[in-house]
Amino acid sequence: TGSNASEKAQLKNQVQKIQGSILSDPGLMMDIQNIIKDEEVQALLSNPKLLDDVMSYDQEKIRKNDDIQNLMQNPKIQDLMNKIQQNLPAEE
């Protein structure tokens, strides 16, 4: 549907802004590298369906993916998400 395509485009744009913010912050990059070493995080990220759902930019698929939900419950990921949110430029 047209609105679904629009939602995906909007989400993709938001993701690109977040990526730019993360890449420009050496502290966040270090945090990400440390989190990736976590065995629980590695196990969750090794599921190809997780990556497929994320890369689909389909909010419903992402929301319903159990591995993504588990990842979001990880305290290290929650801490990282808070840091990323604090680092984002204010919406215009």
C-alpha atoms as a PDB file:
ATOM      1  CA  THR A   1       0.000   0.000   0.000  1.00  0.00           C
ATOM      2  CA  GLY A   2       1.024   3.588  -0.479  1.00  0.00           C
ATOM      3  CA  SER A   3       0.949   4.451   3.213  1.00  0.00           C
ATOM      4  CA  ASN A   4       3.010   1.362   4.030  1.00  0.00           C
ATOM      5  CA  ALA A   5       5.650   2.438   1.496  1.00  0.00           C
ATOM      6  CA  SER A   6       5.568   5.914   3.000  1.00  0.00           C
ATOM      7  CA  GLU A   7       6.017   4.501   6.523  1.00  0.00           C
ATOM      8  CA  LYS A   8       8.954   2.387   5.354  1.00  0.00           C
ATOM      9  CA  ALA A   9      10.579   5.399   3.679  1.00  0.00           C
ATOM     10  CA  GLN A  10      10.082   7.479   6.817  1.00  0.00           C
ATOM     11  CA  LEU A  11      11.559   4.750   9.028  1.00  0.00           C
ATOM     12  CA  LYS A  12      14.504   4.333   6.664  1.00  0.00           C
ATOM     13  CA  ASN A  13      15.153   8.085   6.842  1.00  0.00           C
ATOM     14  CA  GLN A  14      15.055   7.986  10.655  1.00  0.00           C
ATOM     15  CA  VAL A  15      17.452   5.028  10.717  1.00  0.00           C
ATOM     16  CA  GLN A  16      19.891   6.885   8.455  1.00  0.00           C
ATOM     17  CA  LYS A  17      19.841   9.910  10.800  1.00  0.00           C
ATOM     18  CA  ILE A  18      20.511   7.660  13.782  1.00  0.00           C
ATOM     19  CA  GLN A  19      23.336   5.889  11.950  1.00  0.00           C
ATOM     20  CA  GLY A  20      24.970   9.233  11.172  1.00  0.00           C
ATOM     21  CA  SER A  21      24.689  10.277  14.808  1.00  0.00           C
ATOM     22  CA  ILE A  22      26.207   7.003  16.016  1.00  0.00           C
ATOM     23  CA  LEU A  23      29.036   7.004  13.491  1.00  0.00           C
ATOM     24  CA  SER A  24      30.061  10.514  14.513  1.00  0.00           C
ATOM     25  CA  ASP A  25      30.347   9.551  18.210  1.00  0.00           C
ATOM     26  CA  PRO A  26      33.457   7.499  19.102  1.00  0.00           C
ATOM     27  CA  GLY A  27      32.038   6.734  22.564  1.00  0.00           C
ATOM     28  CA  LEU A  28      28.878   5.181  21.114  1.00  0.00           C
ATOM     29  CA  MET A  29      30.927   3.205  18.606  1.00  0.00           C
ATOM     30  CA  MET A  30      33.007   1.805  21.493  1.00  0.00           C
ATOM     31  CA  ASP A  31      29.826   0.903  23.398  1.00  0.00           C
ATOM     32  CA  ILE A  32      28.461  -0.913  20.336  1.00  0.00           C
ATOM     33  CA  GLN A  33      31.699  -2.844  19.877  1.00  0.00           C
ATOM     34  CA  ASN A  34      31.562  -3.942  23.525  1.00  0.00           C
ATOM     35  CA  ILE A  35      27.891  -4.964  23.315  1.00  0.00           C
ATOM     36  CA  ILE A  36      28.524  -7.030  20.188  1.00  0.00           C
ATOM     37  CA  LYS A  37      30.963  -9.140  22.259  1.00  0.00           C
ATOM     38  CA  ASP A  38      28.115 -10.112  24.631  1.00  0.00           C
ATOM     39  CA  GLU A  39      27.180 -13.779  24.071  1.00  0.00           C
ATOM     40  CA  GLU A  40      23.431 -13.184  24.522  1.00  0.00           C
ATOM     41  CA  VAL A  41      23.505 -10.350  21.998  1.00  0.00           C
ATOM     42  CA  GLN A  42      25.579 -12.420  19.563  1.00  0.00           C
ATOM     43  CA  ALA A  43      23.103 -15.286  19.801  1.00  0.00           C
ATOM     44  CA  LEU A  44      20.167 -12.991  19.061  1.00  0.00           C
ATOM     45  CA  LEU A  45      21.942 -11.211  16.208  1.00  0.00           C
ATOM     46  CA  SER A  46      22.924 -14.527  14.588  1.00  0.00           C
ATOM     47  CA  ASN A  47      19.301 -15.172  13.594  1.00  0.00           C
ATOM     48  CA  PRO A  48      18.947 -14.228   9.889  1.00  0.00           C
ATOM     49  CA  LYS A  49      15.219 -13.524  10.353  1.00  0.00           C
ATOM     50  CA  LEU A  50      16.069 -10.698  12.755  1.00  0.00           C
ATOM     51  CA  LEU A  51      18.195  -8.975  10.128  1.00  0.00           C
ATOM     52  CA  ASP A  52      15.622  -9.637   7.398  1.00  0.00           C
ATOM     53  CA  ASP A  53      12.863  -8.102   9.511  1.00  0.00           C
ATOM     54  CA  VAL A  54      14.966  -5.065  10.431  1.00  0.00           C
ATOM     55  CA  MET A  55      16.073  -4.491   6.842  1.00  0.00           C
ATOM     56  CA  SER A  56      12.469  -4.741   5.631  1.00  0.00           C
ATOM     57  CA  TYR A  57      11.762  -1.420   7.438  1.00  0.00           C
ATOM     58  CA  ASP A  58       8.337  -2.932   8.146  1.00  0.00           C
ATOM     59  CA  GLN A  59       7.435  -1.652  11.623  1.00  0.00           C
ATOM     60  CA  GLU A  60       4.917  -4.453  12.194  1.00  0.00           C
ATOM     61  CA  LYS A  61       7.440  -7.191  11.332  1.00  0.00           C
ATOM     62  CA  ILE A  62      10.037  -5.542  13.553  1.00  0.00           C
ATOM     63  CA  ARG A  63       7.568  -5.155  16.414  1.00  0.00           C
ATOM     64  CA  LYS A  64       6.518  -8.821  16.219  1.00  0.00           C
ATOM     65  CA  ASN A  65      10.015 -10.326  15.997  1.00  0.00           C
ATOM     66  CA  ASP A  66      10.700 -12.178  19.273  1.00  0.00           C
ATOM     67  CA  ASP A  67      14.486 -11.789  18.978  1.00  0.00           C
ATOM     68  CA  ILE A  68      14.139  -8.032  18.599  1.00  0.00           C
ATOM     69  CA  GLN A  69      11.895  -7.963  21.665  1.00  0.00           C
ATOM     70  CA  ASN A  70      14.480 -10.004  23.606  1.00  0.00           C
ATOM     71  CA  LEU A  71      17.258  -7.727  22.413  1.00  0.00           C
ATOM     72  CA  MET A  72      15.336  -4.669  23.586  1.00  0.00           C
ATOM     73  CA  GLN A  73      15.007  -6.255  27.060  1.00  0.00           C
ATOM     74  CA  ASN A  74      18.792  -6.614  27.385  1.00  0.00           C
ATOM     75  CA  PRO A  75      20.016  -4.000  29.921  1.00  0.00           C
ATOM     76  CA  LYS A  76      23.139  -3.254  27.833  1.00  0.00           C
ATOM     77  CA  ILE A  77      20.980  -2.596  24.762  1.00  0.00           C
ATOM     78  CA  GLN A  78      18.577  -0.441  26.802  1.00  0.00           C
ATOM     79  CA  ASP A  79      21.502   1.619  28.103  1.00  0.00           C
ATOM     80  CA  LEU A  80      22.853   2.009  24.564  1.00  0.00           C
ATOM     81  CA  MET A  81      19.430   3.052  23.245  1.00  0.00           C
ATOM     82  CA  ASN A  82      19.188   5.725  25.943  1.00  0.00           C
ATOM     83  CA  LYS A  83      22.632   7.064  25.014  1.00  0.00           C
ATOM     84  CA  ILE A  84      21.680   7.126  21.329  1.00  0.00           C
ATOM     85  CA  GLN A  85      18.429   8.993  22.061  1.00  0.00           C
ATOM     86  CA  GLN A  86      20.300  11.584  24.130  1.00  0.00           C
ATOM     87  CA  ASN A  87      22.755  12.025  21.280  1.00  0.00           C
ATOM     88  CA  LEU A  88      20.180  12.588  18.540  1.00  0.00           C
ATOM     89  CA  PRO A  89      19.657  16.117  17.252  1.00  0.00           C
ATOM     90  CA  ALA A  90      16.349  17.665  18.236  1.00  0.00           C
ATOM     91  CA  GLU A  91      13.560  17.249  15.702  1.00  0.00           C
ATOM     92  CA  GLU A  92      13.007  20.345  13.609  1.00  0.00           C
END
